[in-house]
Amino acid sequence: MQITEIKIRKLLDSGRLRAVVSVTFDGVFAVHYIKVVQGDQRLFIAMPSRREPDGTYRDVVHPINPEFRQMTEQAVLQRYKNAVGEKSS
């Protein structure tokens, strides 16, 4: 499965949430509301989630294996860094 498009939906300048993106896979499957988050040590992505009645959050979609998560995270973070660079120019 390949990423065929990454759209930055929203860029934020403050707080831990830095961006909201949509990712299309193989030109036929889109995942919306993937978040770019500034963690204590690094940027990371958080998958779309919903709040459970007990107050916890559960991912609605997510990669099944670490390799696919890493590939997706690297591609999204690279697109985010490019968008931030374009905004600064």
PDB file of N, CA and C in Angstrom:
ATOM      1  N   MET A   1       0.857  -1.169   0.000  1.00  0.00           N
ATOM      2  CA  MET A   1       0.000   0.000   0.000  1.00  0.00           C
ATOM      3  C   MET A   1       0.900   1.228   0.000  1.00  0.00           C
ATOM      4  N   GLN A   2       0.612   2.157  -0.896  1.00  0.00           N
ATOM      5  CA  GLN A   2       1.421   3.364  -1.031  1.00  0.00           C
ATOM      6  C   GLN A   2       0.598   4.608  -0.712  1.00  0.00           C
ATOM      7  N   ILE A   3       1.252   5.604  -0.170  1.00  0.00           N
ATOM      8  CA  ILE A   3       0.608   6.904   0.041  1.00  0.00           C
ATOM      9  C   ILE A   3       0.630   7.634  -1.285  1.00  0.00           C
ATOM     10  N   THR A   4      -0.540   8.041  -1.749  1.00  0.00           N
ATOM     11  CA  THR A   4      -0.617   8.747  -3.026  1.00  0.00           C
ATOM     12  C   THR A   4      -0.895  10.236  -2.865  1.00  0.00           C
ATOM     13  N   GLU A   5      -1.343  10.649  -1.677  1.00  0.00           N
ATOM     14  CA  GLU A   5      -1.573  12.080  -1.453  1.00  0.00           C
ATOM     15  C   GLU A   5      -1.617  12.375   0.044  1.00  0.00           C
ATOM     16  N   ILE A   6      -1.033  13.504   0.400  1.00  0.00           N
ATOM     17  CA  ILE A   6      -1.126  14.009   1.774  1.00  0.00           C
ATOM     18  C   ILE A   6      -1.557  15.464   1.677  1.00  0.00           C
ATOM     19  N   LYS A   7      -2.703  15.776   2.277  1.00  0.00           N
ATOM     20  CA  LYS A   7      -3.213  17.144   2.276  1.00  0.00           C
ATOM     21  C   LYS A   7      -3.161  17.700   3.695  1.00  0.00           C
ATOM     22  N   ILE A   8      -2.530  18.851   3.827  1.00  0.00           N
ATOM     23  CA  ILE A   8      -2.528  19.554   5.107  1.00  0.00           C
ATOM     24  C   ILE A   8      -3.854  20.317   5.183  1.00  0.00           C
ATOM     25  N   ARG A   9      -4.687  19.969   6.135  1.00  0.00           N
ATOM     26  CA  ARG A   9      -6.001  20.613   6.276  1.00  0.00           C
ATOM     27  C   ARG A   9      -5.929  21.868   7.149  1.00  0.00           C
ATOM     28  N   LYS A  10      -5.063  21.829   8.158  1.00  0.00           N
ATOM     29  CA  LYS A  10      -4.958  22.962   9.080  1.00  0.00           C
ATOM     30  C   LYS A  10      -3.561  22.976   9.669  1.00  0.00           C
ATOM     31  N   LEU A  11      -2.925  24.158   9.705  1.00  0.00           N
ATOM     32  CA  LEU A  11      -1.643  24.359  10.383  1.00  0.00           C
ATOM     33  C   LEU A  11      -1.886  25.240  11.599  1.00  0.00           C
ATOM     34  N   LEU A  12      -1.283  24.878  12.713  1.00  0.00           N
ATOM     35  CA  LEU A  12      -1.443  25.651  13.944  1.00  0.00           C
ATOM     36  C   LEU A  12      -0.081  26.086  14.436  1.00  0.00           C
ATOM     37  N   ASP A  13      -0.002  27.292  14.999  1.00  0.00           N
ATOM     38  CA  ASP A  13       1.272  27.858  15.443  1.00  0.00           C
ATOM     39  C   ASP A  13       1.551  27.655  16.925  1.00  0.00           C
ATOM     40  N   SER A  14       0.531  27.352  17.713  1.00  0.00           N
ATOM     41  CA  SER A  14       0.751  27.224  19.157  1.00  0.00           C
ATOM     42  C   SER A  14       0.083  25.957  19.675  1.00  0.00           C
ATOM     43  N   GLY A  15       0.495  25.539  20.861  1.00  0.00           N
ATOM     44  CA  GLY A  15      -0.048  24.322  21.449  1.00  0.00           C
ATOM     45  C   GLY A  15       0.646  23.091  20.909  1.00  0.00           C
ATOM     46  N   ARG A  16       0.254  21.957  21.437  1.00  0.00           N
ATOM     47  CA  ARG A  16       0.877  20.694  21.029  1.00  0.00           C
ATOM     48  C   ARG A  16       0.376  20.205  19.671  1.00  0.00           C
ATOM     49  N   LEU A  17      -0.886  20.479  19.350  1.00  0.00           N
ATOM     50  CA  LEU A  17      -1.420  20.103  18.039  1.00  0.00           C
ATOM     51  C   LEU A  17      -0.874  21.067  17.002  1.00  0.00           C
ATOM     52  N   ARG A  18      -0.129  20.557  16.031  1.00  0.00           N
ATOM     53  CA  ARG A  18       0.532  21.403  15.043  1.00  0.00           C
ATOM     54  C   ARG A  18      -0.140  21.389  13.684  1.00  0.00           C
ATOM     55  N   ALA A  19      -0.830  20.282  13.350  1.00  0.00           N
ATOM     56  CA  ALA A  19      -1.483  20.207  12.043  1.00  0.00           C
ATOM     57  C   ALA A  19      -2.512  19.087  12.052  1.00  0.00           C
ATOM     58  N   VAL A  20      -3.441  19.216  11.116  1.00  0.00           N
ATOM     59  CA  VAL A  20      -4.422  18.168  10.845  1.00  0.00           C
ATOM     60  C   VAL A  20      -4.277  17.840   9.364  1.00  0.00           C
ATOM     61  N   VAL A  21      -4.147  16.549   9.045  1.00  0.00           N
ATOM     62  CA  VAL A  21      -3.902  16.150   7.662  1.00  0.00           C
ATOM     63  C   VAL A  21      -4.856  15.038   7.240  1.00  0.00           C
ATOM     64  N   SER A  22      -4.980  14.890   5.920  1.00  0.00           N
ATOM     65  CA  SER A  22      -5.684  13.762   5.307  1.00  0.00           C
ATOM     66  C   SER A  22      -4.675  13.017   4.454  1.00  0.00           C
ATOM     67  N   VAL A  23      -4.734  11.696   4.488  1.00  0.00           N
ATOM     68  CA  VAL A  23      -3.814  10.866   3.723  1.00  0.00           C
ATOM     69  C   VAL A  23      -4.626   9.923   2.841  1.00  0.00           C
ATOM     70  N   THR A  24      -4.252   9.855   1.564  1.00  0.00           N
ATOM     71  CA  THR A  24      -4.897   8.928   0.627  1.00  0.00           C
ATOM     72  C   THR A  24      -3.921   7.807   0.315  1.00  0.00           C
ATOM     73  N   PHE A  25      -4.418   6.580   0.351  1.00  0.00           N
ATOM     74  CA  PHE A  25      -3.620   5.387   0.076  1.00  0.00           C
ATOM     75  C   PHE A  25      -4.075   4.767  -1.243  1.00  0.00           C
ATOM     76  N   ASP A  26      -3.116   4.488  -2.103  1.00  0.00           N
ATOM     77  CA  ASP A  26      -3.369   3.841  -3.397  1.00  0.00           C
ATOM     78  C   ASP A  26      -4.438   4.551  -4.222  1.00  0.00           C
ATOM     79  N   GLY A  27      -4.673   5.809  -3.952  1.00  0.00           N
ATOM     80  CA  GLY A  27      -5.652   6.580  -4.710  1.00  0.00           C
ATOM     81  C   GLY A  27      -7.091   6.142  -4.500  1.00  0.00           C
ATOM     82  N   VAL A  28      -7.333   5.253  -3.502  1.00  0.00           N
ATOM     83  CA  VAL A  28      -8.690   4.728  -3.327  1.00  0.00           C
ATOM     84  C   VAL A  28      -9.204   4.744  -1.888  1.00  0.00           C
ATOM     85  N   PHE A  29      -8.329   5.059  -0.914  1.00  0.00           N
ATOM     86  CA  PHE A  29      -8.757   5.027   0.485  1.00  0.00           C
ATOM     87  C   PHE A  29      -8.179   6.228   1.201  1.00  0.00           C
ATOM     88  N   ALA A  30      -9.038   7.050   1.815  1.00  0.00           N
ATOM     89  CA  ALA A  30      -8.582   8.265   2.498  1.00  0.00           C
ATOM     90  C   ALA A  30      -8.827   8.151   3.996  1.00  0.00           C
ATOM     91  N   VAL A  31      -7.861   8.648   4.763  1.00  0.00           N
ATOM     92  CA  VAL A  31      -7.997   8.750   6.216  1.00  0.00           C
ATOM     93  C   VAL A  31      -7.890  10.230   6.556  1.00  0.00           C
ATOM     94  N   HIS A  32      -8.940  10.758   7.164  1.00  0.00           N
ATOM     95  CA  HIS A  32      -8.984  12.169   7.539  1.00  0.00           C
ATOM     96  C   HIS A  32      -8.704  12.317   9.031  1.00  0.00           C
ATOM     97  N   TYR A  33      -8.291  13.521   9.387  1.00  0.00           N
ATOM     98  CA  TYR A  33      -8.074  13.921  10.774  1.00  0.00           C
ATOM     99  C   TYR A  33      -6.942  13.156  11.458  1.00  0.00           C
ATOM    100  N   ILE A  34      -5.861  12.941  10.708  1.00  0.00           N
ATOM    101  CA  ILE A  34      -4.617  12.492  11.332  1.00  0.00           C
ATOM    102  C   ILE A  34      -3.962  13.743  11.897  1.00  0.00           C
ATOM    103  N   LYS A  35      -3.534  13.698  13.144  1.00  0.00           N
ATOM    104  CA  LYS A  35      -2.992  14.879  13.810  1.00  0.00           C
ATOM    105  C   LYS A  35      -1.468  14.809  13.883  1.00  0.00           C
ATOM    106  N   VAL A  36      -0.823  15.949  13.645  1.00  0.00           N
ATOM    107  CA  VAL A  36       0.612  16.091  13.894  1.00  0.00           C
ATOM    108  C   VAL A  36       0.724  16.748  15.260  1.00  0.00           C
ATOM    109  N   VAL A  37       1.406  16.064  16.177  1.00  0.00           N
ATOM    110  CA  VAL A  37       1.472  16.500  17.574  1.00  0.00           C
ATOM    111  C   VAL A  37       2.926  16.704  17.973  1.00  0.00           C
ATOM    112  N   GLN A  38       3.178  17.806  18.705  1.00  0.00           N
ATOM    113  CA  GLN A  38       4.502  18.039  19.266  1.00  0.00           C
ATOM    114  C   GLN A  38       4.573  17.358  20.619  1.00  0.00           C
ATOM    115  N   GLY A  39       5.338  16.271  20.699  1.00  0.00           N
ATOM    116  CA  GLY A  39       5.530  15.570  21.963  1.00  0.00           C
ATOM    117  C   GLY A  39       6.654  16.207  22.757  1.00  0.00           C
ATOM    118  N   ASP A  40       6.977  15.628  23.880  1.00  0.00           N
ATOM    119  CA  ASP A  40       8.054  16.141  24.712  1.00  0.00           C
ATOM    120  C   ASP A  40       9.404  16.048  24.014  1.00  0.00           C
ATOM    121  N   GLN A  41       9.602  14.992  23.233  1.00  0.00           N
ATOM    122  CA  GLN A  41      10.890  14.766  22.580  1.00  0.00           C
ATOM    123  C   GLN A  41      10.873  14.997  21.067  1.00  0.00           C
ATOM    124  N   ARG A  42       9.717  14.817  20.427  1.00  0.00           N
ATOM    125  CA  ARG A  42       9.685  14.886  18.971  1.00  0.00           C
ATOM    126  C   ARG A  42       8.259  15.064  18.469  1.00  0.00           C
ATOM    127  N   LEU A  43       8.152  15.362  17.176  1.00  0.00           N
ATOM    128  CA  LEU A  43       6.858  15.359  16.510  1.00  0.00           C
ATOM    129  C   LEU A  43       6.436  13.918  16.265  1.00  0.00           C
ATOM    130  N   PHE A  44       5.127  13.676  16.323  1.00  0.00           N
ATOM    131  CA  PHE A  44       4.597  12.364  15.975  1.00  0.00           C
ATOM    132  C   PHE A  44       3.204  12.540  15.403  1.00  0.00           C
ATOM    133  N   ILE A  45       2.659  11.470  14.824  1.00  0.00           N
ATOM    134  CA  ILE A  45       1.288  11.545  14.329  1.00  0.00           C
ATOM    135  C   ILE A  45       0.381  10.759  15.264  1.00  0.00           C
ATOM    136  N   ALA A  46      -0.866  11.214  15.346  1.00  0.00           N
ATOM    137  CA  ALA A  46      -1.898  10.521  16.115  1.00  0.00           C
ATOM    138  C   ALA A  46      -3.055  10.238  15.157  1.00  0.00           C
ATOM    139  N   MET A  47      -3.499   9.007  15.172  1.00  0.00           N
ATOM    140  CA  MET A  47      -4.577   8.592  14.290  1.00  0.00           C
ATOM    141  C   MET A  47      -5.919   9.138  14.770  1.00  0.00           C
ATOM    142  N   PRO A  48      -6.902   9.198  13.866  1.00  0.00           N
ATOM    143  CA  PRO A  48      -8.241   9.648  14.274  1.00  0.00           C
ATOM    144  C   PRO A  48      -8.760   8.755  15.411  1.00  0.00           C
ATOM    145  N   SER A  49      -9.396   9.373  16.379  1.00  0.00           N
ATOM    146  CA  SER A  49      -9.886   8.611  17.527  1.00  0.00           C
ATOM    147  C   SER A  49     -11.244   9.139  17.964  1.00  0.00           C
ATOM    148  N   ARG A  50     -11.886   8.354  18.804  1.00  0.00           N
ATOM    149  CA  ARG A  50     -13.160   8.792  19.388  1.00  0.00           C
ATOM    150  C   ARG A  50     -13.087   8.582  20.890  1.00  0.00           C
ATOM    151  N   ARG A  51     -13.851   9.385  21.586  1.00  0.00           N
ATOM    152  CA  ARG A  51     -13.867   9.291  23.049  1.00  0.00           C
ATOM    153  C   ARG A  51     -14.877   8.239  23.488  1.00  0.00           C
ATOM    154  N   GLU A  52     -14.433   7.354  24.357  1.00  0.00           N
ATOM    155  CA  GLU A  52     -15.286   6.302  24.904  1.00  0.00           C
ATOM    156  C   GLU A  52     -16.060   6.855  26.109  1.00  0.00           C
ATOM    157  N   PRO A  53     -17.138   6.204  26.497  1.00  0.00           N
ATOM    158  CA  PRO A  53     -17.921   6.681  27.653  1.00  0.00           C
ATOM    159  C   PRO A  53     -17.107   6.825  28.943  1.00  0.00           C
ATOM    160  N   ASP A  54     -16.033   6.038  29.084  1.00  0.00           N
ATOM    161  CA  ASP A  54     -15.222   6.135  30.306  1.00  0.00           C
ATOM    162  C   ASP A  54     -14.167   7.236  30.233  1.00  0.00           C
ATOM    163  N   GLY A  55     -14.179   8.010  29.135  1.00  0.00           N
ATOM    164  CA  GLY A  55     -13.253   9.135  29.007  1.00  0.00           C
ATOM    165  C   GLY A  55     -11.964   8.820  28.276  1.00  0.00           C
ATOM    166  N   THR A  56     -11.710   7.560  27.990  1.00  0.00           N
ATOM    167  CA  THR A  56     -10.506   7.198  27.239  1.00  0.00           C
ATOM    168  C   THR A  56     -10.760   7.383  25.746  1.00  0.00           C
ATOM    169  N   TYR A  57      -9.675   7.404  24.985  1.00  0.00           N
ATOM    170  CA  TYR A  57      -9.778   7.544  23.535  1.00  0.00           C
ATOM    171  C   TYR A  57      -9.347   6.260  22.862  1.00  0.00           C
ATOM    172  N   ARG A  58     -10.034   5.914  21.781  1.00  0.00           N
ATOM    173  CA  ARG A  58      -9.717   4.711  21.015  1.00  0.00           C
ATOM    174  C   ARG A  58      -9.557   5.109  19.548  1.00  0.00           C
ATOM    175  N   ASP A  59      -8.438   4.660  18.930  1.00  0.00           N
ATOM    176  CA  ASP A  59      -8.222   4.943  17.515  1.00  0.00           C
ATOM    177  C   ASP A  59      -9.351   4.350  16.680  1.00  0.00           C
ATOM    178  N   VAL A  60      -9.796   5.116  15.694  1.00  0.00           N
ATOM    179  CA  VAL A  60     -10.824   4.649  14.763  1.00  0.00           C
ATOM    180  C   VAL A  60     -10.171   3.833  13.652  1.00  0.00           C
ATOM    181  N   VAL A  61      -9.023   4.284  13.180  1.00  0.00           N
ATOM    182  CA  VAL A  61      -8.202   3.548  12.206  1.00  0.00           C
ATOM    183  C   VAL A  61      -6.769   3.606  12.705  1.00  0.00           C
ATOM    184  N   HIS A  62      -5.975   2.604  12.313  1.00  0.00           N
ATOM    185  CA  HIS A  62      -4.574   2.621  12.722  1.00  0.00           C
ATOM    186  C   HIS A  62      -3.799   1.592  11.910  1.00  0.00           C
ATOM    187  N   PRO A  63      -2.494   1.828  11.740  1.00  0.00           N
ATOM    188  CA  PRO A  63      -1.644   0.837  11.077  1.00  0.00           C
ATOM    189  C   PRO A  63      -1.574  -0.439  11.931  1.00  0.00           C
ATOM    190  N   ILE A  64      -1.490  -1.567  11.263  1.00  0.00           N
ATOM    191  CA  ILE A  64      -1.443  -2.847  11.966  1.00  0.00           C
ATOM    192  C   ILE A  64      -0.024  -3.213  12.389  1.00  0.00           C
ATOM    193  N   ASN A  65       0.977  -2.771  11.615  1.00  0.00           N
ATOM    194  CA  ASN A  65       2.344  -3.140  11.981  1.00  0.00           C
ATOM    195  C   ASN A  65       3.243  -1.909  12.083  1.00  0.00           C
ATOM    196  N   PRO A  66       4.350  -2.036  12.803  1.00  0.00           N
ATOM    197  CA  PRO A  66       5.238  -0.893  13.038  1.00  0.00           C
ATOM    198  C   PRO A  66       5.852  -0.322  11.755  1.00  0.00           C
ATOM    199  N   GLU A  67       6.108  -1.169  10.773  1.00  0.00           N
ATOM    200  CA  GLU A  67       6.712  -0.691   9.523  1.00  0.00           C
ATOM    201  C   GLU A  67       5.772   0.256   8.777  1.00  0.00           C
ATOM    202  N   PHE A  68       4.497  -0.104   8.725  1.00  0.00           N
ATOM    203  CA  PHE A  68       3.541   0.759   8.028  1.00  0.00           C
ATOM    204  C   PHE A  68       3.319   2.058   8.800  1.00  0.00           C
ATOM    205  N   ARG A  69       3.295   1.973  10.132  1.00  0.00           N
ATOM    206  CA  ARG A  69       3.164   3.189  10.947  1.00  0.00           C
ATOM    207  C   ARG A  69       4.358   4.109  10.707  1.00  0.00           C
ATOM    208  N   GLN A  70       5.554   3.558  10.699  1.00  0.00           N
ATOM    209  CA  GLN A  70       6.754   4.367  10.494  1.00  0.00           C
ATOM    210  C   GLN A  70       6.748   5.010   9.109  1.00  0.00           C
ATOM    211  N   MET A  71       6.379   4.247   8.080  1.00  0.00           N
ATOM    212  CA  MET A  71       6.320   4.798   6.724  1.00  0.00           C
ATOM    213  C   MET A  71       5.319   5.956   6.658  1.00  0.00           C
ATOM    214  N   THR A  72       4.153   5.755   7.256  1.00  0.00           N
ATOM    215  CA  THR A  72       3.114   6.789   7.243  1.00  0.00           C
ATOM    216  C   THR A  72       3.574   8.012   8.021  1.00  0.00           C
ATOM    217  N   GLU A  73       4.133   7.798   9.204  1.00  0.00           N
ATOM    218  CA  GLU A  73       4.588   8.915  10.030  1.00  0.00           C
ATOM    219  C   GLU A  73       5.683   9.715   9.326  1.00  0.00           C
ATOM    220  N   GLN A  74       6.650   9.046   8.734  1.00  0.00           N
ATOM    221  CA  GLN A  74       7.726   9.754   8.038  1.00  0.00           C
ATOM    222  C   GLN A  74       7.189  10.597   6.893  1.00  0.00           C
ATOM    223  N   ALA A  75       6.275  10.047   6.109  1.00  0.00           N
ATOM    224  CA  ALA A  75       5.719  10.787   4.969  1.00  0.00           C
ATOM    225  C   ALA A  75       4.899  11.990   5.432  1.00  0.00           C
ATOM    226  N   VAL A  76       4.068  11.807   6.458  1.00  0.00           N
ATOM    227  CA  VAL A  76       3.239  12.908   6.960  1.00  0.00           C
ATOM    228  C   VAL A  76       4.113  14.000   7.572  1.00  0.00           C
ATOM    229  N   LEU A  77       5.099  13.617   8.377  1.00  0.00           N
ATOM    230  CA  LEU A  77       5.957  14.626   9.002  1.00  0.00           C
ATOM    231  C   LEU A  77       6.790  15.373   7.976  1.00  0.00           C
ATOM    232  N   GLN A  78       7.230  14.705   6.924  1.00  0.00           N
ATOM    233  CA  GLN A  78       7.971  15.398   5.864  1.00  0.00           C
ATOM    234  C   GLN A  78       7.074  16.410   5.162  1.00  0.00           C
ATOM    235  N   ARG A  79       5.839  16.017   4.861  1.00  0.00           N
ATOM    236  CA  ARG A  79       4.894  16.948   4.215  1.00  0.00           C
ATOM    237  C   ARG A  79       4.603  18.122   5.145  1.00  0.00           C
ATOM    238  N   TYR A  80       4.452  17.865   6.450  1.00  0.00           N
ATOM    239  CA  TYR A  80       4.229  18.926   7.426  1.00  0.00           C
ATOM    240  C   TYR A  80       5.411  19.905   7.445  1.00  0.00           C
ATOM    241  N   LYS A  81       6.628  19.377   7.504  1.00  0.00           N
ATOM    242  CA  LYS A  81       7.800  20.252   7.527  1.00  0.00           C
ATOM    243  C   LYS A  81       7.905  21.079   6.249  1.00  0.00           C
ATOM    244  N   ASN A  82       7.557  20.498   5.116  1.00  0.00           N
ATOM    245  CA  ASN A  82       7.544  21.254   3.856  1.00  0.00           C
ATOM    246  C   ASN A  82       6.504  22.369   3.921  1.00  0.00           C
ATOM    247  N   ALA A  83       5.325  22.075   4.462  1.00  0.00           N
ATOM    248  CA  ALA A  83       4.252  23.074   4.546  1.00  0.00           C
ATOM    249  C   ALA A  83       4.656  24.220   5.479  1.00  0.00           C
ATOM    250  N   VAL A  84       5.300  23.892   6.590  1.00  0.00           N
ATOM    251  CA  VAL A  84       5.758  24.934   7.521  1.00  0.00           C
ATOM    252  C   VAL A  84       6.807  25.796   6.848  1.00  0.00           C
ATOM    253  N   GLY A  85       7.701  25.180   6.091  1.00  0.00           N
ATOM    254  CA  GLY A  85       8.714  25.932   5.350  1.00  0.00           C
ATOM    255  C   GLY A  85       8.105  26.834   4.302  1.00  0.00           C
ATOM    256  N   GLU A  86       7.064  26.366   3.594  1.00  0.00           N
ATOM    257  CA  GLU A  86       6.375  27.179   2.591  1.00  0.00           C
ATOM    258  C   GLU A  86       5.664  28.354   3.252  1.00  0.00           C
ATOM    259  N   LYS A  87       5.091  28.108   4.429  1.00  0.00           N
ATOM    260  CA  LYS A  87       4.379  29.166   5.151  1.00  0.00           C
ATOM    261  C   LYS A  87       5.344  30.252   5.624  1.00  0.00           C
ATOM    262  N   SER A  88       6.565  29.842   5.994  1.00  0.00           N
ATOM    263  CA  SER A  88       7.566  30.793   6.492  1.00  0.00           C
ATOM    264  C   SER A  88       8.151  31.653   5.368  1.00  0.00           C
ATOM    265  N   SER A  89       8.087  31.158   4.148  1.00  0.00           N
ATOM    266  CA  SER A  89       8.692  31.883   3.018  1.00  0.00           C
ATOM    267  C   SER A  89       7.898  33.072   2.579  1.00  0.00           C
TER     268      SER A  89
END
